[in-house]
């Protein structure tokens, strides 16, 4: 019996660049830790970027229920709307929030991944104003958790998490990682 169709993980992903031999040591260590711990890896489809930006401003994105549906450690990456580069975060549960370690990859040939610092996403009532990159990460994290949150309420989700295969050029670098793509249901492979 054939399995469910799989999506294609984005070509030239930030995570693949972080596993490359020319990547900075900090980036390689972070990516290797994800592989060693069997952490899920999610690429957010470009079509969901505006949904994630809107979700970042909603109360849902600050709900402790988000923490209940997320794995303790995972990777998320997306292409921000404002440039041609890629942003990604190692996301790890820490107490009543999430710790983020950000990385970026400029949209030019020969670019190397760059560390972008750390942030904390608190959940629950009362939270400080967040800068643009932290708010973007919050929206993406909420988008990744949304399918399971809504399924728990018996509702359908505007987002699917679909298992993915790496692009041919990145297959060797991404071997051993649990890849998926977050996409709209009408964009899912059939």
C-alpha atoms as a PDB file:
ATOM      1  CA  UNK A   1       0.000   0.000   0.000  1.00  0.00           C
ATOM      2  CA  UNK A   2       1.555   3.327  -1.012  1.00  0.00           C
ATOM      3  CA  UNK A   3       2.302   5.830   1.753  1.00  0.00           C
ATOM      4  CA  UNK A   4       1.022   9.346   1.977  1.00  0.00           C
ATOM      5  CA  UNK A   5       2.612  11.658  -0.620  1.00  0.00           C
ATOM      6  CA  UNK A   6       5.569  13.601   0.684  1.00  0.00           C
ATOM      7  CA  UNK A   7       6.427  17.238   0.124  1.00  0.00           C
ATOM      8  CA  UNK A   8       9.805  18.512  -1.047  1.00  0.00           C
ATOM      9  CA  UNK A   9      11.887  20.291   1.600  1.00  0.00           C
ATOM     10  CA  UNK A  10      13.038  23.661   0.194  1.00  0.00           C
ATOM     11  CA  UNK A  11      16.147  23.646  -1.920  1.00  0.00           C
ATOM     12  CA  UNK A  12      19.092  25.594  -0.492  1.00  0.00           C
ATOM     13  CA  UNK A  13      17.659  25.494   3.029  1.00  0.00           C
ATOM     14  CA  UNK A  14      19.285  27.358   5.894  1.00  0.00           C
ATOM     15  CA  UNK A  15      19.660  24.128   7.859  1.00  0.00           C
ATOM     16  CA  UNK A  16      21.524  22.477   4.973  1.00  0.00           C
ATOM     17  CA  UNK A  17      23.853  25.491   4.845  1.00  0.00           C
ATOM     18  CA  UNK A  18      24.416  25.174   8.599  1.00  0.00           C
ATOM     19  CA  UNK A  19      25.528  21.564   8.131  1.00  0.00           C
ATOM     20  CA  UNK A  20      27.986  22.501   5.367  1.00  0.00           C
ATOM     21  CA  UNK A  21      31.704  22.364   6.003  1.00  0.00           C
ATOM     22  CA  UNK A  22      32.117  26.124   5.456  1.00  0.00           C
ATOM     23  CA  UNK A  23      29.441  27.073   8.018  1.00  0.00           C
ATOM     24  CA  UNK A  24      30.523  28.841  11.207  1.00  0.00           C
ATOM     25  CA  UNK A  25      31.193  26.485  14.122  1.00  0.00           C
ATOM     26  CA  UNK A  26      28.213  27.767  16.148  1.00  0.00           C
ATOM     27  CA  UNK A  27      25.835  27.045  13.269  1.00  0.00           C
ATOM     28  CA  UNK A  28      27.271  23.555  12.643  1.00  0.00           C
ATOM     29  CA  UNK A  29      27.007  22.669  16.341  1.00  0.00           C
ATOM     30  CA  UNK A  30      23.376  23.766  16.522  1.00  0.00           C
ATOM     31  CA  UNK A  31      22.444  21.789  13.409  1.00  0.00           C
ATOM     32  CA  UNK A  32      24.322  18.677  14.530  1.00  0.00           C
ATOM     33  CA  UNK A  33      22.572  18.792  17.901  1.00  0.00           C
ATOM     34  CA  UNK A  34      19.198  18.769  16.128  1.00  0.00           C
ATOM     35  CA  UNK A  35      20.265  15.700  14.157  1.00  0.00           C
ATOM     36  CA  UNK A  36      21.728  13.912  17.193  1.00  0.00           C
ATOM     37  CA  UNK A  37      18.553  14.435  19.222  1.00  0.00           C
ATOM     38  CA  UNK A  38      16.203  13.449  16.393  1.00  0.00           C
ATOM     39  CA  UNK A  39      14.508  16.849  16.549  1.00  0.00           C
ATOM     40  CA  UNK A  40      11.779  17.647  14.023  1.00  0.00           C
ATOM     41  CA  UNK A  41      12.679  20.120  11.271  1.00  0.00           C
ATOM     42  CA  UNK A  42       9.952  22.309   9.767  1.00  0.00           C
ATOM     43  CA  UNK A  43      10.175  24.612   6.765  1.00  0.00           C
ATOM     44  CA  UNK A  44       7.249  26.996   6.559  1.00  0.00           C
ATOM     45  CA  UNK A  45       5.906  27.307   3.021  1.00  0.00           C
ATOM     46  CA  UNK A  46       6.122  30.830   1.587  1.00  0.00           C
ATOM     47  CA  UNK A  47       2.346  30.886   1.234  1.00  0.00           C
ATOM     48  CA  UNK A  48       1.887  30.742   5.011  1.00  0.00           C
ATOM     49  CA  UNK A  49       4.121  33.707   5.807  1.00  0.00           C
ATOM     50  CA  UNK A  50       1.273  36.232   5.975  1.00  0.00           C
ATOM     51  CA  UNK A  51      -0.832  33.874   8.099  1.00  0.00           C
ATOM     52  CA  UNK A  52       2.070  33.440  10.535  1.00  0.00           C
ATOM     53  CA  UNK A  53       2.584  37.227  10.730  1.00  0.00           C
ATOM     54  CA  UNK A  54      -1.073  37.687  11.633  1.00  0.00           C
ATOM     55  CA  UNK A  55      -0.968  34.788  14.076  1.00  0.00           C
ATOM     56  CA  UNK A  56       1.947  36.434  15.909  1.00  0.00           C
ATOM     57  CA  UNK A  57      -0.358  39.277  16.949  1.00  0.00           C
ATOM     58  CA  UNK A  58      -3.145  37.010  18.189  1.00  0.00           C
ATOM     59  CA  UNK A  59      -3.813  35.773  21.714  1.00  0.00           C
ATOM     60  CA  UNK A  60      -3.516  32.200  20.398  1.00  0.00           C
ATOM     61  CA  UNK A  61       0.209  32.734  19.825  1.00  0.00           C
ATOM     62  CA  UNK A  62       0.669  33.498  23.541  1.00  0.00           C
ATOM     63  CA  UNK A  63      -1.491  30.674  24.856  1.00  0.00           C
ATOM     64  CA  UNK A  64       0.219  28.062  27.062  1.00  0.00           C
ATOM     65  CA  UNK A  65      -1.662  25.512  24.919  1.00  0.00           C
ATOM     66  CA  UNK A  66       0.967  26.136  22.226  1.00  0.00           C
ATOM     67  CA  UNK A  67       3.625  24.691  24.540  1.00  0.00           C
ATOM     68  CA  UNK A  68       1.536  21.550  25.102  1.00  0.00           C
ATOM     69  CA  UNK A  69       1.579  20.579  21.420  1.00  0.00           C
ATOM     70  CA  UNK A  70       5.183  21.382  20.523  1.00  0.00           C
ATOM     71  CA  UNK A  71       8.129  19.002  20.778  1.00  0.00           C
ATOM     72  CA  UNK A  72      10.754  19.911  23.410  1.00  0.00           C
ATOM     73  CA  UNK A  73      13.326  20.725  20.695  1.00  0.00           C
ATOM     74  CA  UNK A  74      12.823  21.510  17.005  1.00  0.00           C
ATOM     75  CA  UNK A  75      13.971  23.639  14.085  1.00  0.00           C
ATOM     76  CA  UNK A  76      11.813  26.038  12.086  1.00  0.00           C
ATOM     77  CA  UNK A  77      12.823  28.069   9.046  1.00  0.00           C
ATOM     78  CA  UNK A  78      11.083  30.421   6.622  1.00  0.00           C
ATOM     79  CA  UNK A  79      11.782  33.113   4.091  1.00  0.00           C
ATOM     80  CA  UNK A  80      10.813  36.485   5.606  1.00  0.00           C
ATOM     81  CA  UNK A  81       8.708  38.603   3.267  1.00  0.00           C
ATOM     82  CA  UNK A  82      11.021  41.609   3.440  1.00  0.00           C
ATOM     83  CA  UNK A  83      14.068  39.992   1.795  1.00  0.00           C
ATOM     84  CA  UNK A  84      15.237  37.039  -0.229  1.00  0.00           C
ATOM     85  CA  UNK A  85      17.149  35.429   2.640  1.00  0.00           C
ATOM     86  CA  UNK A  86      16.112  32.698   5.053  1.00  0.00           C
ATOM     87  CA  UNK A  87      15.619  32.949   8.813  1.00  0.00           C
ATOM     88  CA  UNK A  88      15.616  29.946  11.122  1.00  0.00           C
ATOM     89  CA  UNK A  89      15.486  29.131  14.823  1.00  0.00           C
ATOM     90  CA  UNK A  90      16.437  26.320  17.134  1.00  0.00           C
ATOM     91  CA  UNK A  91      13.399  26.242  19.421  1.00  0.00           C
ATOM     92  CA  UNK A  92      13.680  24.607  22.848  1.00  0.00           C
ATOM     93  CA  UNK A  93      11.195  24.411  25.686  1.00  0.00           C
ATOM     94  CA  UNK A  94      12.481  26.134  28.823  1.00  0.00           C
ATOM     95  CA  UNK A  95      10.112  26.274  31.799  1.00  0.00           C
ATOM     96  CA  UNK A  96       6.956  28.164  30.841  1.00  0.00           C
ATOM     97  CA  UNK A  97       8.337  29.443  27.557  1.00  0.00           C
ATOM     98  CA  UNK A  98      10.536  28.739  24.580  1.00  0.00           C
ATOM     99  CA  UNK A  99      14.189  29.637  24.071  1.00  0.00           C
ATOM    100  CA  UNK A 100      15.156  30.644  20.523  1.00  0.00           C
ATOM    101  CA  UNK A 101      18.562  30.703  18.842  1.00  0.00           C
ATOM    102  CA  UNK A 102      18.291  32.511  15.535  1.00  0.00           C
ATOM    103  CA  UNK A 103      20.283  32.128  12.333  1.00  0.00           C
ATOM    104  CA  UNK A 104      19.999  33.745   8.904  1.00  0.00           C
ATOM    105  CA  UNK A 105      21.230  33.071   5.409  1.00  0.00           C
ATOM    106  CA  UNK A 106      21.431  35.996   2.980  1.00  0.00           C
ATOM    107  CA  UNK A 107      19.848  35.446  -0.397  1.00  0.00           C
ATOM    108  CA  UNK A 108      23.054  35.660  -2.397  1.00  0.00           C
ATOM    109  CA  UNK A 109      25.372  32.999  -3.813  1.00  0.00           C
ATOM    110  CA  UNK A 110      28.193  31.995  -1.521  1.00  0.00           C
ATOM    111  CA  UNK A 111      26.503  33.378   1.596  1.00  0.00           C
ATOM    112  CA  UNK A 112      27.153  31.570   4.862  1.00  0.00           C
ATOM    113  CA  UNK A 113      24.731  31.161   7.766  1.00  0.00           C
ATOM    114  CA  UNK A 114      25.070  33.821  10.442  1.00  0.00           C
ATOM    115  CA  UNK A 115      24.056  33.579  14.121  1.00  0.00           C
ATOM    116  CA  UNK A 116      21.402  36.163  14.990  1.00  0.00           C
ATOM    117  CA  UNK A 117      21.308  35.863  18.763  1.00  0.00           C
ATOM    118  CA  UNK A 118      18.837  34.477  21.251  1.00  0.00           C
ATOM    119  CA  UNK A 119      15.385  35.352  22.532  1.00  0.00           C
ATOM    120  CA  UNK A 120      12.769  33.958  24.880  1.00  0.00           C
ATOM    121  CA  UNK A 121       9.094  33.519  24.051  1.00  0.00           C
ATOM    122  CA  UNK A 122       7.044  33.707  27.250  1.00  0.00           C
ATOM    123  CA  UNK A 123       3.526  32.259  27.285  1.00  0.00           C
ATOM    124  CA  UNK A 124       0.509  33.160  29.343  1.00  0.00           C
ATOM    125  CA  UNK A 125      -0.811  36.549  30.495  1.00  0.00           C
ATOM    126  CA  UNK A 126       1.377  39.625  30.665  1.00  0.00           C
ATOM    127  CA  UNK A 127       4.222  39.734  28.181  1.00  0.00           C
ATOM    128  CA  UNK A 128       6.630  42.407  26.980  1.00  0.00           C
ATOM    129  CA  UNK A 129       6.528  43.951  23.513  1.00  0.00           C
ATOM    130  CA  UNK A 130       8.661  41.914  21.081  1.00  0.00           C
ATOM    131  CA  UNK A 131      10.977  43.063  18.316  1.00  0.00           C
ATOM    132  CA  UNK A 132      10.238  42.164  14.690  1.00  0.00           C
ATOM    133  CA  UNK A 133      12.322  38.966  14.413  1.00  0.00           C
ATOM    134  CA  UNK A 134      11.048  37.624  17.755  1.00  0.00           C
ATOM    135  CA  UNK A 135       7.454  38.396  16.783  1.00  0.00           C
ATOM    136  CA  UNK A 136       8.015  36.640  13.436  1.00  0.00           C
ATOM    137  CA  UNK A 137       9.354  33.567  15.239  1.00  0.00           C
ATOM    138  CA  UNK A 138       6.333  33.590  17.583  1.00  0.00           C
ATOM    139  CA  UNK A 139       3.981  33.548  14.585  1.00  0.00           C
ATOM    140  CA  UNK A 140       5.846  30.692  12.938  1.00  0.00           C
ATOM    141  CA  UNK A 141       5.930  28.655  16.145  1.00  0.00           C
ATOM    142  CA  UNK A 142       2.181  29.190  16.623  1.00  0.00           C
ATOM    143  CA  UNK A 143       1.579  28.171  12.999  1.00  0.00           C
ATOM    144  CA  UNK A 144       3.473  24.909  13.559  1.00  0.00           C
ATOM    145  CA  UNK A 145       1.453  24.151  16.694  1.00  0.00           C
ATOM    146  CA  UNK A 146      -1.910  25.153  15.241  1.00  0.00           C
ATOM    147  CA  UNK A 147      -2.783  21.878  13.458  1.00  0.00           C
ATOM    148  CA  UNK A 148      -2.481  19.812  16.634  1.00  0.00           C
ATOM    149  CA  UNK A 149      -4.196  22.460  18.781  1.00  0.00           C
ATOM    150  CA  UNK A 150      -7.193  22.588  16.444  1.00  0.00           C
ATOM    151  CA  UNK A 151      -7.304  18.811  16.021  1.00  0.00           C
ATOM    152  CA  UNK A 152      -7.589  18.522  19.811  1.00  0.00           C
ATOM    153  CA  UNK A 153     -10.732  20.677  19.590  1.00  0.00           C
ATOM    154  CA  UNK A 154     -12.137  18.674  16.667  1.00  0.00           C
ATOM    155  CA  UNK A 155     -11.529  21.538  14.221  1.00  0.00           C
ATOM    156  CA  UNK A 156      -9.792  21.558  10.859  1.00  0.00           C
ATOM    157  CA  UNK A 157      -6.643  23.611  10.447  1.00  0.00           C
ATOM    158  CA  UNK A 158      -5.625  26.101   7.754  1.00  0.00           C
ATOM    159  CA  UNK A 159      -2.144  24.559   8.055  1.00  0.00           C
ATOM    160  CA  UNK A 160      -0.860  21.047   7.404  1.00  0.00           C
ATOM    161  CA  UNK A 161       2.478  19.596   8.481  1.00  0.00           C
ATOM    162  CA  UNK A 162       3.515  17.262   5.672  1.00  0.00           C
ATOM    163  CA  UNK A 163       6.530  14.894   5.837  1.00  0.00           C
ATOM    164  CA  UNK A 164       9.153  15.982   3.321  1.00  0.00           C
ATOM    165  CA  UNK A 165      12.062  14.617   1.337  1.00  0.00           C
ATOM    166  CA  UNK A 166      15.178  16.768   0.889  1.00  0.00           C
ATOM    167  CA  UNK A 167      16.017  18.366  -2.438  1.00  0.00           C
ATOM    168  CA  UNK A 168      18.540  16.241  -4.345  1.00  0.00           C
ATOM    169  CA  UNK A 169      21.411  18.714  -3.776  1.00  0.00           C
ATOM    170  CA  UNK A 170      20.823  18.760  -0.007  1.00  0.00           C
ATOM    171  CA  UNK A 171      20.033  15.057   0.525  1.00  0.00           C
ATOM    172  CA  UNK A 172      23.461  14.122   1.897  1.00  0.00           C
ATOM    173  CA  UNK A 173      23.552  17.077   4.304  1.00  0.00           C
ATOM    174  CA  UNK A 174      20.003  16.534   5.604  1.00  0.00           C
ATOM    175  CA  UNK A 175      20.238  12.747   5.934  1.00  0.00           C
ATOM    176  CA  UNK A 176      18.921  11.512   9.270  1.00  0.00           C
ATOM    177  CA  UNK A 177      16.701  14.535   9.972  1.00  0.00           C
ATOM    178  CA  UNK A 178      12.891  14.361  10.324  1.00  0.00           C
ATOM    179  CA  UNK A 179      11.873  16.904   7.686  1.00  0.00           C
ATOM    180  CA  UNK A 180       8.431  18.394   7.150  1.00  0.00           C
ATOM    181  CA  UNK A 181       6.858  21.386   5.448  1.00  0.00           C
ATOM    182  CA  UNK A 182       4.071  23.515   6.920  1.00  0.00           C
ATOM    183  CA  UNK A 183       1.669  24.416   4.108  1.00  0.00           C
ATOM    184  CA  UNK A 184      -1.918  25.264   3.273  1.00  0.00           C
ATOM    185  CA  UNK A 185      -4.128  22.177   2.738  1.00  0.00           C
ATOM    186  CA  UNK A 186      -4.726  23.050  -0.921  1.00  0.00           C
ATOM    187  CA  UNK A 187      -0.942  23.099  -1.536  1.00  0.00           C
ATOM    188  CA  UNK A 188      -0.364  19.609  -0.088  1.00  0.00           C
ATOM    189  CA  UNK A 189       0.808  16.873  -2.470  1.00  0.00           C
ATOM    190  CA  UNK A 190      -1.880  14.413  -3.511  1.00  0.00           C
END
